[in-house]
C-alpha atoms as a PDB file:
ATOM      1  CA  UNK A   1      49.326 -20.844  -2.111  1.00  0.00           C
ATOM      2  CA  UNK A   2      50.228 -17.603  -3.757  1.00  0.00           C
ATOM      3  CA  UNK A   3      52.805 -16.508  -6.237  1.00  0.00           C
ATOM      4  CA  UNK A   4      51.191 -13.420  -7.795  1.00  0.00           C
ATOM      5  CA  UNK A   5      52.359 -14.640 -11.226  1.00  0.00           C
ATOM      6  CA  UNK A   6      56.064 -14.624 -10.297  1.00  0.00           C
ATOM      7  CA  UNK A   7      58.405 -16.672 -12.436  1.00  0.00           C
ATOM      8  CA  UNK A   8      61.504 -16.424 -10.284  1.00  0.00           C
ATOM      9  CA  UNK A   9      62.618 -13.315  -8.416  1.00  0.00           C
ATOM     10  CA  UNK A  10      62.564 -10.920 -11.398  1.00  0.00           C
ATOM     11  CA  UNK A  11      59.978 -12.020 -13.967  1.00  0.00           C
ATOM     12  CA  UNK A  12      56.259 -12.624 -14.296  1.00  0.00           C
ATOM     13  CA  UNK A  13      54.657 -15.427 -16.279  1.00  0.00           C
ATOM     14  CA  UNK A  14      51.067 -14.242 -16.163  1.00  0.00           C
ATOM     15  CA  UNK A  15      48.169 -13.902 -13.811  1.00  0.00           C
ATOM     16  CA  UNK A  16      49.060 -15.346 -10.426  1.00  0.00           C
ATOM     17  CA  UNK A  17      47.043 -16.504  -7.478  1.00  0.00           C
ATOM     18  CA  UNK A  18      46.657 -15.178  -3.967  1.00  0.00           C
ATOM     19  CA  UNK A  19      44.906 -17.944  -2.085  1.00  0.00           C
ATOM     20  CA  UNK A  20      43.966 -17.044   1.438  1.00  0.00           C
ATOM     21  CA  UNK A  21      45.441 -18.410   4.623  1.00  0.00           C
ATOM     22  CA  UNK A  22      45.203 -22.158   5.230  1.00  0.00           C
ATOM     23  CA  UNK A  23      44.361 -23.578   8.647  1.00  0.00           C
ATOM     24  CA  UNK A  24      48.021 -24.448   9.229  1.00  0.00           C
ATOM     25  CA  UNK A  25      49.124 -20.924   8.301  1.00  0.00           C
ATOM     26  CA  UNK A  26      46.427 -19.483  10.582  1.00  0.00           C
ATOM     27  CA  UNK A  27      47.668 -21.670  13.445  1.00  0.00           C
ATOM     28  CA  UNK A  28      51.230 -20.467  12.861  1.00  0.00           C
ATOM     29  CA  UNK A  29      49.978 -16.877  12.858  1.00  0.00           C
ATOM     30  CA  UNK A  30      48.195 -17.416  16.157  1.00  0.00           C
ATOM     31  CA  UNK A  31      51.352 -18.960  17.619  1.00  0.00           C
ATOM     32  CA  UNK A  32      53.233 -15.750  16.746  1.00  0.00           C
ATOM     33  CA  UNK A  33      50.709 -13.421  18.391  1.00  0.00           C
ATOM     34  CA  UNK A  34      52.526 -13.288  21.770  1.00  0.00           C
ATOM     35  CA  UNK A  35      55.704 -12.188  19.956  1.00  0.00           C
ATOM     36  CA  UNK A  36      54.265  -9.437  17.732  1.00  0.00           C
ATOM     37  CA  UNK A  37      55.500  -6.531  19.857  1.00  0.00           C
ATOM     38  CA  UNK A  38      59.047  -7.917  19.718  1.00  0.00           C
ATOM     39  CA  UNK A  39      58.785  -8.615  15.975  1.00  0.00           C
ATOM     40  CA  UNK A  40      57.551  -5.078  15.257  1.00  0.00           C
ATOM     41  CA  UNK A  41      60.164  -3.587  17.547  1.00  0.00           C
ATOM     42  CA  UNK A  42      63.016  -5.479  15.870  1.00  0.00           C
ATOM     43  CA  UNK A  43      61.815  -4.565  12.377  1.00  0.00           C
ATOM     44  CA  UNK A  44      61.628  -0.921  13.461  1.00  0.00           C
ATOM     45  CA  UNK A  45      65.219  -1.213  14.761  1.00  0.00           C
ATOM     46  CA  UNK A  46      66.345  -2.489  11.349  1.00  0.00           C
ATOM     47  CA  UNK A  47      64.512   0.221   9.387  1.00  0.00           C
ATOM     48  CA  UNK A  48      65.900   2.926  11.650  1.00  0.00           C
ATOM     49  CA  UNK A  49      69.427   1.616  11.186  1.00  0.00           C
ATOM     50  CA  UNK A  50      68.962   1.636   7.407  1.00  0.00           C
ATOM     51  CA  UNK A  51      67.697   5.228   7.568  1.00  0.00           C
ATOM     52  CA  UNK A  52      70.605   6.325   9.755  1.00  0.00           C
ATOM     53  CA  UNK A  53      73.304   4.652   7.662  1.00  0.00           C
ATOM     54  CA  UNK A  54      71.890   5.609   4.249  1.00  0.00           C
ATOM     55  CA  UNK A  55      71.094   9.222   5.176  1.00  0.00           C
ATOM     56  CA  UNK A  56      72.804  11.726   2.935  1.00  0.00           C
ATOM     57  CA  UNK A  57      73.156   9.395  -0.059  1.00  0.00           C
ATOM     58  CA  UNK A  58      71.541  10.182  -3.388  1.00  0.00           C
ATOM     59  CA  UNK A  59      68.402   8.133  -2.681  1.00  0.00           C
ATOM     60  CA  UNK A  60      65.115   8.625  -0.887  1.00  0.00           C
ATOM     61  CA  UNK A  61      62.897   6.708   1.488  1.00  0.00           C
ATOM     62  CA  UNK A  62      59.204   6.005   1.694  1.00  0.00           C
ATOM     63  CA  UNK A  63      57.338   8.849   3.369  1.00  0.00           C
ATOM     64  CA  UNK A  64      54.623   7.713   5.747  1.00  0.00           C
ATOM     65  CA  UNK A  65      51.602   9.970   6.112  1.00  0.00           C
ATOM     66  CA  UNK A  66      51.141  11.663   9.481  1.00  0.00           C
ATOM     67  CA  UNK A  67      48.980   9.744  11.940  1.00  0.00           C
ATOM     68  CA  UNK A  68      49.785   6.443  10.196  1.00  0.00           C
ATOM     69  CA  UNK A  69      51.101   3.550  12.225  1.00  0.00           C
ATOM     70  CA  UNK A  70      53.646   1.828   9.963  1.00  0.00           C
ATOM     71  CA  UNK A  71      54.506  -1.799  10.672  1.00  0.00           C
ATOM     72  CA  UNK A  72      57.935  -1.694   8.977  1.00  0.00           C
ATOM     73  CA  UNK A  73      57.038  -4.641   6.747  1.00  0.00           C
ATOM     74  CA  UNK A  74      59.234  -3.422   3.862  1.00  0.00           C
ATOM     75  CA  UNK A  75      62.128  -1.036   3.477  1.00  0.00           C
ATOM     76  CA  UNK A  76      61.818   0.446  -0.006  1.00  0.00           C
ATOM     77  CA  UNK A  77      64.572   2.734  -1.282  1.00  0.00           C
ATOM     78  CA  UNK A  78      64.141   5.003  -4.309  1.00  0.00           C
ATOM     79  CA  UNK A  79      67.161   5.553  -6.555  1.00  0.00           C
ATOM     80  CA  UNK A  80      67.687   8.084  -9.357  1.00  0.00           C
ATOM     81  CA  UNK A  81      67.500   5.536 -12.174  1.00  0.00           C
ATOM     82  CA  UNK A  82      66.951   1.897 -13.020  1.00  0.00           C
ATOM     83  CA  UNK A  83      70.597   1.707 -14.078  1.00  0.00           C
ATOM     84  CA  UNK A  84      71.621   2.485 -10.495  1.00  0.00           C
ATOM     85  CA  UNK A  85      69.101  -0.013  -9.100  1.00  0.00           C
ATOM     86  CA  UNK A  86      70.574  -2.751 -11.277  1.00  0.00           C
ATOM     87  CA  UNK A  87      74.126  -1.866 -10.169  1.00  0.00           C
ATOM     88  CA  UNK A  88      73.067  -1.961  -6.496  1.00  0.00           C
ATOM     89  CA  UNK A  89      71.312  -5.315  -6.989  1.00  0.00           C
ATOM     90  CA  UNK A  90      74.413  -6.794  -8.662  1.00  0.00           C
ATOM     91  CA  UNK A  91      76.706  -5.510  -5.906  1.00  0.00           C
ATOM     92  CA  UNK A  92      74.456  -6.849  -3.144  1.00  0.00           C
ATOM     93  CA  UNK A  93      73.898 -10.220  -4.804  1.00  0.00           C
ATOM     94  CA  UNK A  94      77.670 -10.579  -5.244  1.00  0.00           C
ATOM     95  CA  UNK A  95      77.792 -10.620  -1.416  1.00  0.00           C
ATOM     96  CA  UNK A  96      74.797 -13.038  -1.185  1.00  0.00           C
ATOM     97  CA  UNK A  97      72.432 -10.259  -0.092  1.00  0.00           C
ATOM     98  CA  UNK A  98      69.030 -10.585  -1.728  1.00  0.00           C
ATOM     99  CA  UNK A  99      67.162  -7.306  -2.263  1.00  0.00           C
ATOM    100  CA  UNK A 100      63.767  -7.455  -3.946  1.00  0.00           C
ATOM    101  CA  UNK A 101      62.073  -5.421  -6.647  1.00  0.00           C
ATOM    102  CA  UNK A 102      58.636  -5.963  -5.046  1.00  0.00           C
ATOM    103  CA  UNK A 103      56.932  -3.271  -7.077  1.00  0.00           C
ATOM    104  CA  UNK A 104      58.393  -4.202 -10.464  1.00  0.00           C
ATOM    105  CA  UNK A 105      57.341  -4.174 -13.210  1.00  0.00           C
ATOM    106  CA  UNK A 106      54.705  -1.495 -13.333  1.00  0.00           C
ATOM    107  CA  UNK A 107      51.425  -3.387 -13.676  1.00  0.00           C
ATOM    108  CA  UNK A 108      50.575  -1.649 -16.949  1.00  0.00           C
ATOM    109  CA  UNK A 109      53.620  -3.368 -18.501  1.00  0.00           C
ATOM    110  CA  UNK A 110      52.560  -6.951 -17.790  1.00  0.00           C
ATOM    111  CA  UNK A 111      52.480  -8.905 -21.056  1.00  0.00           C
ATOM    112  CA  UNK A 112      48.917 -10.127 -20.635  1.00  0.00           C
ATOM    113  CA  UNK A 113      47.431  -6.634 -20.177  1.00  0.00           C
ATOM    114  CA  UNK A 114      46.783  -4.019 -22.812  1.00  0.00           C
ATOM    115  CA  UNK A 115      49.518  -1.426 -22.405  1.00  0.00           C
ATOM    116  CA  UNK A 116      48.567   2.084 -21.320  1.00  0.00           C
ATOM    117  CA  UNK A 117      51.086   4.795 -20.546  1.00  0.00           C
ATOM    118  CA  UNK A 118      51.496   5.338 -16.796  1.00  0.00           C
ATOM    119  CA  UNK A 119      54.666   7.420 -16.440  1.00  0.00           C
ATOM    120  CA  UNK A 120      54.601   7.819 -12.648  1.00  0.00           C
ATOM    121  CA  UNK A 121      54.051   4.120 -11.998  1.00  0.00           C
ATOM    122  CA  UNK A 122      56.649   3.153 -14.592  1.00  0.00           C
ATOM    123  CA  UNK A 123      59.242   5.517 -13.155  1.00  0.00           C
ATOM    124  CA  UNK A 124      58.722   4.410  -9.574  1.00  0.00           C
ATOM    125  CA  UNK A 125      58.709   0.702 -10.410  1.00  0.00           C
ATOM    126  CA  UNK A 126      62.039   1.035 -12.204  1.00  0.00           C
ATOM    127  CA  UNK A 127      63.742   3.001  -9.411  1.00  0.00           C
ATOM    128  CA  UNK A 128      62.528   1.259  -6.237  1.00  0.00           C
ATOM    129  CA  UNK A 129      64.266  -1.556  -4.396  1.00  0.00           C
ATOM    130  CA  UNK A 130      63.291  -3.216  -1.113  1.00  0.00           C
ATOM    131  CA  UNK A 131      66.203  -4.042   1.167  1.00  0.00           C
ATOM    132  CA  UNK A 132      66.244  -7.179   3.320  1.00  0.00           C
ATOM    133  CA  UNK A 133      64.127  -6.755   6.431  1.00  0.00           C
ATOM    134  CA  UNK A 134      63.320  -9.297   9.121  1.00  0.00           C
ATOM    135  CA  UNK A 135      63.437  -9.196  12.933  1.00  0.00           C
ATOM    136  CA  UNK A 136      66.644 -11.193  13.347  1.00  0.00           C
ATOM    137  CA  UNK A 137      68.634  -9.207  10.776  1.00  0.00           C
ATOM    138  CA  UNK A 138      71.836  -8.290  12.591  1.00  0.00           C
ATOM    139  CA  UNK A 139      73.235  -4.782  12.877  1.00  0.00           C
ATOM    140  CA  UNK A 140      76.407  -5.962  11.141  1.00  0.00           C
ATOM    141  CA  UNK A 141      74.425  -7.334   8.176  1.00  0.00           C
ATOM    142  CA  UNK A 142      72.475  -4.073   7.849  1.00  0.00           C
ATOM    143  CA  UNK A 143      75.777  -2.162   7.974  1.00  0.00           C
ATOM    144  CA  UNK A 144      77.252  -4.403   5.286  1.00  0.00           C
ATOM    145  CA  UNK A 145      74.238  -3.767   3.038  1.00  0.00           C
ATOM    146  CA  UNK A 146      74.562  -0.020   3.617  1.00  0.00           C
ATOM    147  CA  UNK A 147      78.321  -0.019   2.926  1.00  0.00           C
ATOM    148  CA  UNK A 148      77.752  -1.830  -0.373  1.00  0.00           C
ATOM    149  CA  UNK A 149      75.051   0.641  -1.404  1.00  0.00           C
ATOM    150  CA  UNK A 150      77.233   3.567  -0.348  1.00  0.00           C
ATOM    151  CA  UNK A 151      80.216   2.246  -2.310  1.00  0.00           C
ATOM    152  CA  UNK A 152      78.058   1.564  -5.382  1.00  0.00           C
ATOM    153  CA  UNK A 153      76.522   5.037  -5.358  1.00  0.00           C
ATOM    154  CA  UNK A 154      79.843   6.776  -4.859  1.00  0.00           C
ATOM    155  CA  UNK A 155      81.389   4.726  -7.658  1.00  0.00           C
END
């Protein structure tokens, strides 16, 4: 079991848990091992399509360090402001597309911690959004997500 303190998709209730893998989960993981190359390949296809279709918009992508093998587990997009992030979320959710603010809020802003100013972390956490990413995500669904983002950014 793990919920990292989540209270729904947008809020935190407090300190969460991150219990390790159960025997059943480990068995499921082992059952997926023969398919990992295909899973990684399909996720890479999705991330590349996002990059291609969102190129040139007023947003930026995660930069991977040289000599790093990225597994395409997330597709975070950085926007200019939290206001824009919230508009993009609303537009996507209107079409039943569920983006995620995985890195929100900045950890220094959790209610149960003593607040300390962390301007870089706060800025990034407010402006980052992870787009849907899974191996079976269709090209047409990625294109729809990109069209909605494009339309929202261009107003």
